[in-house]
N, C-alpha and C. Protein backbone atom coordinates (compact mmCIF):
# COMPACT_ATOMS: atom_id res chain seq x y z
N UNK A 1 0.49 -1.19 0.38
CA UNK A 1 -0.05 0.08 0.23
C UNK A 1 0.74 1.42 0.02
N UNK A 2 0.55 2.65 -0.83
CA UNK A 2 1.49 3.27 -0.64
C UNK A 2 0.18 4.52 -0.28
N UNK A 3 1.24 5.38 0.67
CA UNK A 3 0.20 6.57 1.10
C UNK A 3 1.42 7.28 0.87
N UNK A 4 0.64 8.99 0.82
CA UNK A 4 1.59 10.25 0.42
C UNK A 4 1.34 10.32 2.09
N UNK A 5 2.36 11.38 2.06
CA UNK A 5 2.06 12.47 3.33
C UNK A 5 2.45 13.86 3.24
N UNK A 6 1.95 14.10 2.38
CA UNK A 6 1.49 15.81 2.45
C UNK A 6 1.68 16.27 3.50
N UNK A 7 1.78 18.28 3.27
CA UNK A 7 2.06 18.79 3.59
C UNK A 7 2.43 20.34 3.45
N UNK A 8 1.94 21.18 4.18
CA UNK A 8 2.33 22.43 3.49
C UNK A 8 2.70 23.29 4.99
N UNK A 9 3.88 23.72 4.88
CA UNK A 9 5.30 24.10 6.14
C UNK A 9 5.62 25.50 5.98
N UNK A 10 6.16 26.62 7.01
CA UNK A 10 6.39 27.45 6.80
C UNK A 10 7.93 27.76 7.33
N UNK A 11 7.68 27.22 8.74
CA UNK A 11 9.19 27.39 8.82
C UNK A 11 10.38 26.11 8.77
N UNK A 12 9.49 24.49 8.78
CA UNK A 12 9.65 23.29 8.82
C UNK A 12 9.40 22.63 9.82
N UNK A 13 8.80 22.78 10.48
CA UNK A 13 7.93 22.73 11.99
C UNK A 13 7.27 21.38 11.25
N UNK A 14 6.60 21.59 10.41
CA UNK A 14 5.05 20.74 9.57
C UNK A 14 5.57 19.60 9.48
N UNK A 15 6.65 19.81 8.05
CA UNK A 15 7.44 19.43 7.31
C UNK A 15 8.05 17.85 8.45
N UNK A 16 8.98 18.51 9.74
CA UNK A 16 9.75 17.81 10.13
C UNK A 16 8.27 16.13 11.13
N UNK A 17 7.38 16.97 11.06
CA UNK A 17 6.10 16.12 11.52
C UNK A 17 5.77 15.38 10.42
N UNK A 18 5.80 15.21 9.26
CA UNK A 18 5.13 14.66 7.56
C UNK A 18 6.08 13.27 7.24
N UNK A 19 7.70 14.13 7.91
CA UNK A 19 9.08 12.86 7.19
C UNK A 19 8.64 12.10 8.78
N UNK A 20 8.44 12.43 9.75
CA UNK A 20 8.03 11.13 11.41
C UNK A 20 7.18 10.39 10.72
N UNK A 21 5.89 11.03 10.05
CA UNK A 21 4.60 9.93 9.90
C UNK A 21 5.06 8.92 7.98
N UNK A 22 5.79 8.96 8.04
CA UNK A 22 6.54 8.53 6.15
C UNK A 22 7.18 7.45 7.21
N UNK A 23 8.13 7.64 8.02
CA UNK A 23 9.24 6.91 8.15
C UNK A 23 8.49 6.11 9.28
N UNK A 24 7.62 6.27 10.23
CA UNK A 24 6.74 5.48 11.20
C UNK A 24 5.76 4.57 10.39
N UNK A 25 5.29 4.93 9.23
CA UNK A 25 4.28 3.99 8.13
C UNK A 25 5.23 2.91 7.52
N UNK A 26 6.57 3.19 7.59
CA UNK A 26 7.01 2.94 6.05
C UNK A 26 7.64 1.73 7.22
N UNK A 27 7.75 1.80 9.10
CA UNK A 27 8.93 0.81 9.81
C UNK A 27 7.37 0.15 10.02
N UNK A 28 6.20 0.21 9.79
CA UNK A 28 5.78 -0.73 10.06
C UNK A 28 5.18 -1.58 8.65
N UNK A 29 5.72 -1.62 7.79
CA UNK A 29 5.38 -2.66 6.42
C UNK A 29 5.00 -1.11 5.09
N UNK A 30 4.48 0.00 5.32
CA UNK A 30 4.01 0.50 4.27
C UNK A 30 4.87 1.33 3.85
N UNK A 31 4.39 1.43 2.04
CA UNK A 31 5.37 2.65 1.04
C UNK A 31 5.03 4.57 2.08
N UNK A 32 5.62 5.02 2.33
CA UNK A 32 5.00 5.95 1.99
C UNK A 32 6.52 7.14 1.61
N UNK A 33 5.72 8.43 0.90
CA UNK A 33 6.84 9.21 1.60
C UNK A 33 6.24 10.27 1.66
N UNK A 34 6.95 11.18 2.34
CA UNK A 34 6.68 13.03 2.55
C UNK A 34 6.78 13.47 1.56
N UNK A 35 5.85 15.14 0.71
CA UNK A 35 6.55 15.73 0.39
C UNK A 35 5.43 16.96 0.70
N UNK A 36 5.90 17.55 0.03
CA UNK A 36 5.28 19.07 0.05
C UNK A 36 4.15 19.37 -1.21
N UNK A 37 2.88 19.98 -0.42
CA UNK A 37 2.06 19.83 -1.96
C UNK A 37 1.79 20.65 -2.44
N UNK A 38 3.40 21.51 -2.89
CA UNK A 38 3.60 22.14 -4.10
C UNK A 38 4.29 20.92 -4.71
N UNK A 39 5.08 19.82 -4.32
CA UNK A 39 5.14 19.22 -5.43
C UNK A 39 4.64 17.82 -5.74
N UNK A 40 3.03 17.42 -5.52
CA UNK A 40 2.45 16.97 -5.37
C UNK A 40 1.76 17.35 -6.78
N UNK A 41 1.85 16.59 -7.63
CA UNK A 41 0.20 16.71 -9.38
C UNK A 41 -0.20 16.23 -9.49
N UNK A 42 -0.74 14.55 -9.11
CA UNK A 42 -1.51 14.17 -8.50
C UNK A 42 -1.19 12.14 -8.39
N UNK A 43 -2.62 12.28 -7.00
CA UNK A 43 -2.95 11.46 -6.45
C UNK A 43 -3.47 9.52 -6.62
N UNK A 44 -3.65 9.35 -8.03
CA UNK A 44 -3.69 8.42 -8.45
C UNK A 44 -2.69 6.59 -8.01
N UNK A 45 -1.62 7.23 -7.70
CA UNK A 45 -0.41 6.27 -7.05
C UNK A 45 -0.40 6.00 -6.33
N UNK A 46 -1.12 6.92 -4.94
CA UNK A 46 -1.59 6.68 -3.62
C UNK A 46 -2.60 5.94 -3.15
N UNK A 47 -2.38 5.45 -2.14
CA UNK A 47 -3.70 4.39 -2.09
C UNK A 47 -4.58 5.25 -0.61
N UNK A 48 -3.60 5.51 -0.09
CA UNK A 48 -4.00 6.53 1.32
C UNK A 48 -3.27 7.85 1.16
N UNK A 49 -4.05 8.36 1.44
CA UNK A 49 -2.66 10.24 2.20
C UNK A 49 -3.67 10.72 3.22
N UNK A 50 -2.60 11.02 4.21
CA UNK A 50 -1.90 12.08 5.40
C UNK A 50 -2.18 13.31 4.62
N UNK A 51 -2.74 14.24 4.86
CA UNK A 51 -2.50 15.44 4.62
C UNK A 51 -1.64 16.99 6.14
N UNK A 52 -0.82 16.61 6.08
CA UNK A 52 -1.28 18.52 7.23
C UNK A 52 -0.32 20.19 6.60
N UNK A 53 -0.56 21.08 7.73
CA UNK A 53 -0.82 21.64 7.28
C UNK A 53 0.00 22.57 8.88
N UNK A 54 0.64 23.66 8.66
CA UNK A 54 0.96 24.77 10.00
C UNK A 54 -0.32 25.13 10.04
N UNK A 55 -1.01 25.52 11.26
CA UNK A 55 -1.96 27.07 11.54
C UNK A 55 -1.19 28.06 11.97
N UNK A 56 -1.45 29.10 12.20
CA UNK A 56 -1.05 30.47 12.49
C UNK A 56 -2.34 30.97 12.60
N UNK A 57 -2.34 31.75 14.28
CA UNK A 57 -3.60 32.18 13.78
C UNK A 57 -5.29 31.70 13.56
N UNK A 58 -4.97 30.37 13.85
CA UNK A 58 -6.25 29.10 13.83
C UNK A 58 -6.55 28.96 12.74
N UNK A 59 -6.28 29.49 11.64
CA UNK A 59 -6.45 28.68 10.01
C UNK A 59 -4.77 28.06 9.88
N UNK A 60 -5.14 26.95 9.27
CA UNK A 60 -3.91 26.30 8.73
C UNK A 60 -3.93 26.95 6.89
N UNK A 61 -2.30 26.73 6.93
CA UNK A 61 -2.54 27.08 5.43
C UNK A 61 -3.10 27.10 4.28
N UNK A 62 -2.48 28.35 3.49
CA UNK A 62 -3.28 27.69 2.05
C UNK A 62 -3.34 27.55 1.24
N UNK A 63 -1.33 26.95 0.74
CA UNK A 63 -1.85 25.90 0.28
C UNK A 63 -1.48 24.45 0.39
N UNK A 64 -2.22 24.04 1.98
CA UNK A 64 -3.04 22.98 2.49
C UNK A 64 -4.87 23.12 1.49
N UNK A 65 -5.13 24.37 2.54
CA UNK A 65 -6.20 24.00 1.97
C UNK A 65 -7.02 24.17 0.49
N UNK A 66 -5.79 24.78 -0.23
CA UNK A 66 -6.13 24.76 -1.82
C UNK A 66 -5.81 23.58 -2.15
N UNK A 67 -4.63 22.61 -1.94
CA UNK A 67 -4.28 21.03 -2.21
C UNK A 67 -5.51 20.11 -1.98
N UNK A 68 -6.12 20.75 -0.46
CA UNK A 68 -7.58 19.79 -0.32
C UNK A 68 -8.49 19.59 -0.82
N UNK A 69 -9.02 21.09 -1.36
CA UNK A 69 -9.82 21.42 -2.18
C UNK A 69 -10.06 20.70 -3.95
N UNK A 70 -7.91 21.34 -4.25
CA UNK A 70 -8.32 20.44 -5.61
C UNK A 70 -8.37 19.57 -5.99
N UNK A 71 -7.57 18.81 -5.47
CA UNK A 71 -8.05 17.28 -5.01
C UNK A 71 -9.37 16.30 -3.88
N UNK A 72 -10.02 16.97 -4.18
CA UNK A 72 -11.26 16.93 -3.72
C UNK A 72 -11.92 15.07 -3.69
N UNK A 73 -11.62 14.98 -5.04
CA UNK A 73 -12.24 14.15 -5.09
C UNK A 73 -11.44 12.83 -5.12
N UNK A 74 -10.82 13.04 -5.62
CA UNK A 74 -9.74 12.33 -5.48
C UNK A 74 -8.99 11.74 -4.23
N UNK A 75 -9.02 12.70 -3.08
CA UNK A 75 -9.44 12.37 -1.44
C UNK A 75 -10.32 11.64 -1.53
N UNK A 76 -11.52 12.02 -0.95
CA UNK A 76 -12.75 11.44 -0.51
C UNK A 76 -13.03 9.99 -1.27
N UNK A 77 -12.14 9.42 -2.40
CA UNK A 77 -12.24 8.67 -3.14
C UNK A 77 -11.34 6.89 -2.13
N UNK A 78 -10.55 7.92 -1.11
CA UNK A 78 -8.98 6.55 -0.74
C UNK A 78 -8.90 7.36 0.99
N UNK A 79 -8.93 6.29 1.80
CA UNK A 79 -8.57 7.08 3.81
C UNK A 79 -7.58 8.55 3.80
N UNK A 80 -8.27 9.13 4.10
CA UNK A 80 -7.26 9.69 4.53
C UNK A 80 -7.43 10.77 5.88
N UNK A 81 -6.34 11.58 6.24
CA UNK A 81 -6.11 11.24 7.75
C UNK A 81 -6.10 13.26 7.51
N UNK A 82 -6.41 13.78 8.82
CA UNK A 82 -5.74 15.33 8.64
C UNK A 82 -4.89 15.58 9.48
N UNK A 83 -3.75 16.17 9.75
CA UNK A 83 -3.10 16.97 11.06
C UNK A 83 -2.85 18.42 10.91
N UNK A 84 -2.23 19.05 11.92
CA UNK A 84 -2.31 19.80 11.88
C UNK A 84 -1.46 20.60 12.96
N UNK A 85 -0.33 21.67 12.69
CA UNK A 85 1.46 21.83 13.62
C UNK A 85 0.59 22.80 14.18
N UNK A 86 0.87 23.47 14.82
CA UNK A 86 1.09 25.29 15.41
C UNK A 86 1.27 25.36 17.15
N UNK A 87 0.35 25.54 18.41
CA UNK A 87 0.30 25.62 19.40
C UNK A 87 1.66 25.32 19.37
N UNK A 88 1.76 26.47 20.83
CA UNK A 88 3.28 26.54 20.63
C UNK A 88 3.36 25.91 22.78
N UNK A 89 4.66 25.39 23.26
CA UNK A 89 4.82 24.82 24.91
C UNK A 89 4.57 23.91 24.79
N UNK A 90 4.20 23.17 25.93
CA UNK A 90 3.81 21.52 26.76
C UNK A 90 2.24 21.80 27.19
N UNK A 91 2.19 22.98 27.20
CA UNK A 91 0.91 22.81 28.98
C UNK A 91 -0.38 21.96 27.51
N UNK A 92 -0.96 21.09 28.12
CA UNK A 92 -2.07 20.64 26.89
C UNK A 92 -3.48 21.49 28.40
N UNK A 93 -3.04 21.34 28.87
CA UNK A 93 -4.48 22.84 29.39
C UNK A 93 -4.21 23.99 29.44
N UNK A 94 -5.28 24.91 28.55
CA UNK A 94 -4.71 26.93 28.71
C UNK A 94 -5.44 27.38 30.25
N UNK A 95 -5.00 28.27 30.31
CA UNK A 95 -5.54 29.10 31.67
C UNK A 95 -7.11 29.10 32.16
N UNK A 96 -7.87 28.91 30.20
CA UNK A 96 -9.56 29.10 31.14
C UNK A 96 -10.00 27.24 31.07
N UNK A 97 -9.03 26.33 31.40
CA UNK A 97 -9.33 25.27 31.14
C UNK A 97 -9.40 23.89 29.91
N UNK A 98 -8.78 24.60 29.20
CA UNK A 98 -9.49 24.40 27.44
C UNK A 98 -8.61 23.08 27.24
N UNK A 99 -8.75 22.72 26.68
CA UNK A 99 -7.72 21.81 25.79
C UNK A 99 -7.16 22.40 25.06
N UNK A 100 -5.76 23.12 24.73
CA UNK A 100 -5.56 23.32 24.35
C UNK A 100 -5.06 22.64 22.37
N UNK A 101 -5.04 21.36 21.86
CA UNK A 101 -5.17 20.75 21.08
C UNK A 101 -5.93 21.07 20.43
N UNK A 102 -7.20 21.25 21.16
CA UNK A 102 -8.98 21.13 20.54
C UNK A 102 -8.70 22.09 19.87
N UNK A 103 -8.59 23.39 21.28
CA UNK A 103 -8.87 24.47 20.93
C UNK A 103 -7.84 25.73 19.79
N UNK A 104 -7.35 25.10 18.89
CA UNK A 104 -5.87 25.51 18.65
C UNK A 104 -6.29 24.84 17.20
N UNK A 105 -8.02 24.15 16.67
CA UNK A 105 -8.22 23.30 15.74
C UNK A 105 -8.58 24.42 14.65
N UNK A 106 -7.28 23.89 13.46
CA UNK A 106 -7.57 25.36 12.51
C UNK A 106 -9.35 25.20 11.88
N UNK A 107 -9.92 26.75 11.60
CA UNK A 107 -11.18 26.59 11.28
C UNK A 107 -11.25 26.01 10.13
N UNK A 108 -10.48 25.60 9.66
CA UNK A 108 -10.60 24.77 7.52
C UNK A 108 -11.35 23.86 8.10
N UNK A 109 -10.39 23.01 8.64
CA UNK A 109 -10.82 21.86 8.33
C UNK A 109 -11.98 21.54 9.12
N UNK A 110 -13.15 22.04 9.48
CA UNK A 110 -14.60 22.02 9.38
C UNK A 110 -14.89 21.87 8.24
N UNK A 111 -15.48 23.02 7.20
CA UNK A 111 -15.29 22.10 5.83
C UNK A 111 -14.59 21.33 4.95
N UNK A 112 -13.39 21.19 5.24
CA UNK A 112 -12.53 19.96 5.05
C UNK A 112 -13.20 18.38 5.16
N UNK A 113 -13.63 18.74 6.89
CA UNK A 113 -13.62 17.43 7.22
C UNK A 113 -15.11 17.00 6.39
N UNK A 114 -16.32 18.19 5.96
CA UNK A 114 -17.61 17.65 5.20
C UNK A 114 -16.98 17.72 3.79
N UNK A 115 -16.32 17.59 2.97
CA UNK A 115 -15.98 17.69 1.89
C UNK A 115 -14.72 15.99 1.93
N UNK A 116 -14.17 15.83 2.59
CA UNK A 116 -12.56 15.01 2.96
C UNK A 116 -13.21 13.42 3.49
N UNK A 117 -14.16 13.96 4.73
CA UNK A 117 -14.68 12.54 4.52
C UNK A 117 -12.99 11.61 5.80
N UNK A 118 -12.62 12.64 7.06
CA UNK A 118 -11.19 11.96 7.10
C UNK A 118 -11.47 10.78 8.09
N UNK A 119 -10.46 9.84 7.76
CA UNK A 119 -10.86 9.07 8.90
C UNK A 119 -10.77 8.99 11.16
N UNK A 120 -9.49 10.45 11.00
CA UNK A 120 -9.43 10.54 11.96
C UNK A 120 -8.47 12.53 12.00
N UNK A 121 -8.48 12.58 12.31
CA UNK A 121 -7.25 14.47 12.40
C UNK A 121 -6.54 14.73 13.81
N UNK A 122 -5.64 15.36 13.97
CA UNK A 122 -5.06 15.30 15.31
C UNK A 122 -4.03 16.75 15.07
N UNK A 123 -4.15 17.36 16.10
CA UNK A 123 -3.63 18.77 16.03
C UNK A 123 -2.53 18.50 16.60
N UNK A 124 -1.04 18.75 16.57
CA UNK A 124 0.51 18.33 17.60
C UNK A 124 1.12 20.17 17.56
N UNK A 125 1.61 19.69 18.15
CA UNK A 125 2.53 21.05 19.34
C UNK A 125 3.86 20.78 17.72
N UNK A 126 3.89 22.21 17.63
CA UNK A 126 4.92 23.34 17.00
C UNK A 126 6.15 23.55 16.98
N UNK A 127 6.59 23.87 16.56
CA UNK A 127 8.14 24.82 17.46
C UNK A 127 7.89 26.27 16.75
N UNK A 128 9.01 27.43 17.73
CA UNK A 128 9.10 28.66 16.89
C UNK A 128 10.62 28.67 17.33
N UNK A 129 11.26 29.04 16.89
CA UNK A 129 12.45 29.55 16.44
C UNK A 129 12.25 31.55 16.11
N UNK A 130 12.73 32.36 17.13
CA UNK A 130 12.42 34.00 17.00
C UNK A 130 13.57 34.05 15.99
N UNK A 131 14.41 33.64 15.74
CA UNK A 131 15.38 33.91 14.90
C UNK A 131 15.66 33.32 13.50
N UNK A 132 14.42 32.77 13.39
CA UNK A 132 14.83 32.63 11.79
C UNK A 132 13.57 33.65 11.08
N UNK A 133 14.17 33.95 9.81
CA UNK A 133 13.66 34.71 8.72
C UNK A 133 11.60 35.17 8.88
N UNK A 134 11.51 35.90 9.05
CA UNK A 134 10.14 36.41 9.54
C UNK A 134 9.58 35.80 7.61
N UNK A 135 8.27 36.20 8.02
CA UNK A 135 6.73 35.16 6.60
C UNK A 135 5.98 35.82 6.97
N UNK A 136 5.74 36.65 5.97
CA UNK A 136 4.89 37.45 5.46
C UNK A 136 4.80 38.19 6.74
N UNK A 137 3.61 39.06 6.77
CA UNK A 137 3.39 40.37 6.73
C UNK A 137 3.12 40.25 8.59
N UNK A 138 2.24 38.86 8.91
CA UNK A 138 2.12 39.28 10.25
C UNK A 138 3.42 38.45 11.32
N UNK A 139 3.53 37.99 10.49
CA UNK A 139 5.14 37.60 11.01
C UNK A 139 6.32 38.86 11.37
N UNK A 140 5.99 39.91 10.17
CA UNK A 140 7.13 40.67 10.27
C UNK A 140 6.84 41.57 11.55
N UNK A 141 5.20 42.13 11.48
CA UNK A 141 4.61 43.08 12.16
C UNK A 141 5.14 42.23 13.75
N UNK A 142 4.99 40.56 14.00
CA UNK A 142 5.61 40.85 15.78
C UNK A 142 6.39 40.74 15.96
N UNK A 143 7.94 40.02 14.95
CA UNK A 143 9.05 40.39 15.37
C UNK A 143 8.70 42.53 16.07
N UNK A 144 7.91 43.08 15.10
CA UNK A 144 8.69 44.53 15.97
C UNK A 144 7.65 44.65 17.06
N UNK A 145 6.95 43.86 17.53
CA UNK A 145 6.17 43.73 18.26
C UNK A 145 7.21 43.44 20.03
N UNK A 146 7.91 44.30 21.01
CA UNK A 146 8.27 43.59 21.40
C UNK A 146 7.35 42.48 22.98
N UNK A 147 6.20 42.90 23.09
CA UNK A 147 5.01 42.53 24.28
C UNK A 147 4.27 40.95 23.04
N UNK A 148 4.31 40.91 21.80
CA UNK A 148 3.24 39.76 20.75
C UNK A 148 5.24 38.87 20.92
N UNK A 149 6.09 39.15 20.67
CA UNK A 149 7.45 38.41 20.44
C UNK A 149 7.61 37.39 21.66
N UNK A 150 7.84 38.63 23.06
CA UNK A 150 7.42 37.88 23.96
C UNK A 150 6.88 36.57 24.51
N UNK A 151 5.25 37.44 24.31
CA UNK A 151 3.74 35.59 24.68
C UNK A 151 4.35 34.83 24.06
N UNK A 152 5.36 34.43 22.73
CA UNK A 152 5.33 33.25 22.10
C UNK A 152 6.56 33.16 22.87
N UNK A 153 5.92 31.66 23.24
CA UNK A 153 7.21 30.40 23.37
C UNK A 153 8.32 29.58 22.42
N UNK A 154 9.53 30.03 22.26
CA UNK A 154 10.64 29.79 22.05
C UNK A 154 10.98 28.39 21.89
N UNK A 155 11.08 27.52 20.68
CA UNK A 155 11.65 26.60 21.17
C UNK A 155 11.28 24.98 20.56
N UNK A 156 11.12 24.02 20.12
CA UNK A 156 11.16 22.48 19.48
C UNK A 156 9.76 22.44 20.73
N UNK A 157 8.61 21.83 20.45
CA UNK A 157 7.88 21.88 20.91
C UNK A 157 7.06 20.13 20.53
N UNK A 158 7.34 20.05 19.17
CA UNK A 158 6.17 18.86 18.80
C UNK A 158 7.11 17.28 20.01
N UNK A 159 5.84 16.84 19.76
CA UNK A 159 5.95 15.51 20.36
C UNK A 159 5.72 14.46 19.64
N UNK A 160 6.90 14.30 19.38
CA UNK A 160 7.32 13.12 19.00
C UNK A 160 7.00 11.30 18.98
N UNK A 161 6.98 10.88 19.89
CA UNK A 161 6.08 9.47 20.33
C UNK A 161 4.42 9.38 19.83
N UNK A 162 3.47 11.12 20.14
CA UNK A 162 2.70 11.48 20.10
C UNK A 162 2.37 11.36 18.17
N UNK A 163 3.31 12.13 17.86
CA UNK A 163 3.18 11.43 16.08
C UNK A 163 3.63 10.25 16.28
N UNK A 164 4.32 9.52 16.32
CA UNK A 164 4.36 8.52 15.81
C UNK A 164 3.21 6.69 16.36
N UNK A 165 2.96 7.22 17.74
CA UNK A 165 1.31 7.02 17.86
C UNK A 165 0.23 7.45 17.15
N UNK A 166 -0.13 7.89 17.04
CA UNK A 166 -1.20 8.41 15.54
C UNK A 166 -0.54 7.56 14.24
N UNK A 167 0.44 7.63 14.15
CA UNK A 167 1.02 7.38 12.55
C UNK A 167 1.07 5.92 13.08
N UNK A 168 1.60 4.97 13.90
CA UNK A 168 1.53 3.54 14.36
C UNK A 168 -0.16 2.78 14.01
N UNK A 169 -1.59 4.43 14.57
CA UNK A 169 -2.81 3.94 14.74
C UNK A 169 -3.20 3.59 13.11
N UNK A 170 -3.04 4.88 12.15
CA UNK A 170 -2.46 4.51 10.91
C UNK A 170 -2.67 3.85 9.98
N UNK A 171 -1.01 3.38 10.55
CA UNK A 171 -0.92 2.11 9.35
C UNK A 171 -1.80 1.10 10.51
N UNK A 172 -1.79 0.90 11.42
CA UNK A 172 -2.79 -0.41 11.57
C UNK A 172 -3.87 -1.10 10.99
N UNK A 173 -4.40 1.08 10.79
CA UNK A 173 -5.72 0.77 9.80
C UNK A 173 -5.64 0.39 8.71
N UNK A 174 -4.65 0.75 8.47
CA UNK A 174 -4.83 0.83 7.24
C UNK A 174 -4.59 -0.67 6.34
N UNK A 175 -3.35 -1.90 7.68
CA UNK A 175 -3.35 -2.90 7.65
C UNK A 175 -4.08 -3.89 7.15
N UNK A 176 -5.56 -3.39 8.62
CA UNK A 176 -6.85 -4.18 8.26
C UNK A 176 -8.26 -4.01 7.58
N UNK A 177 -7.29 -2.55 6.34
CA UNK A 177 -8.74 -2.43 5.49
C UNK A 177 -7.89 -2.77 4.69
N UNK A 178 -7.20 -3.28 3.70
CA UNK A 178 -6.28 -4.01 2.82
C UNK A 178 -6.65 -5.72 2.51
N UNK A 179 -6.56 -5.29 1.09
CA UNK A 179 -7.34 -7.00 1.38
C UNK A 179 -5.93 -8.12 1.32
């Protein structure tokens, strides 16, 4: 079974998650590759797709949304999973008592869930390097506001064990659904 792990990333943290998912799927006996959504043409060579995008300000990156909509017919005809990366830090619960991984679900996933009928979705913690060159107007503005810049914890908060376990669940589901 061939699995595409397609992703949209800004600074590379989401690409790292996609590569980890693909490696875990390969370790479980599947043929899997991680590729940027901008590098993917057609999907007919893949039996399943895991699609991920970085989330900023509660929104999935536009290339991920564009990919999902462009390929919705192909995606809805095969097993699909969605993932996002973005929340920073390690606290699972915010000061108001909300689960951070639930509260930071990108707004576009509501529509995409209706379109694609994914078998599952997951939000993972991301990474932030304040020294990385800013991309986009929002990041540029944030860099010039000390209070905003200091409100983002810097570091790599990706939970590799959680990512591996989620990928293993996907592999197990594909194993039971293959002929």
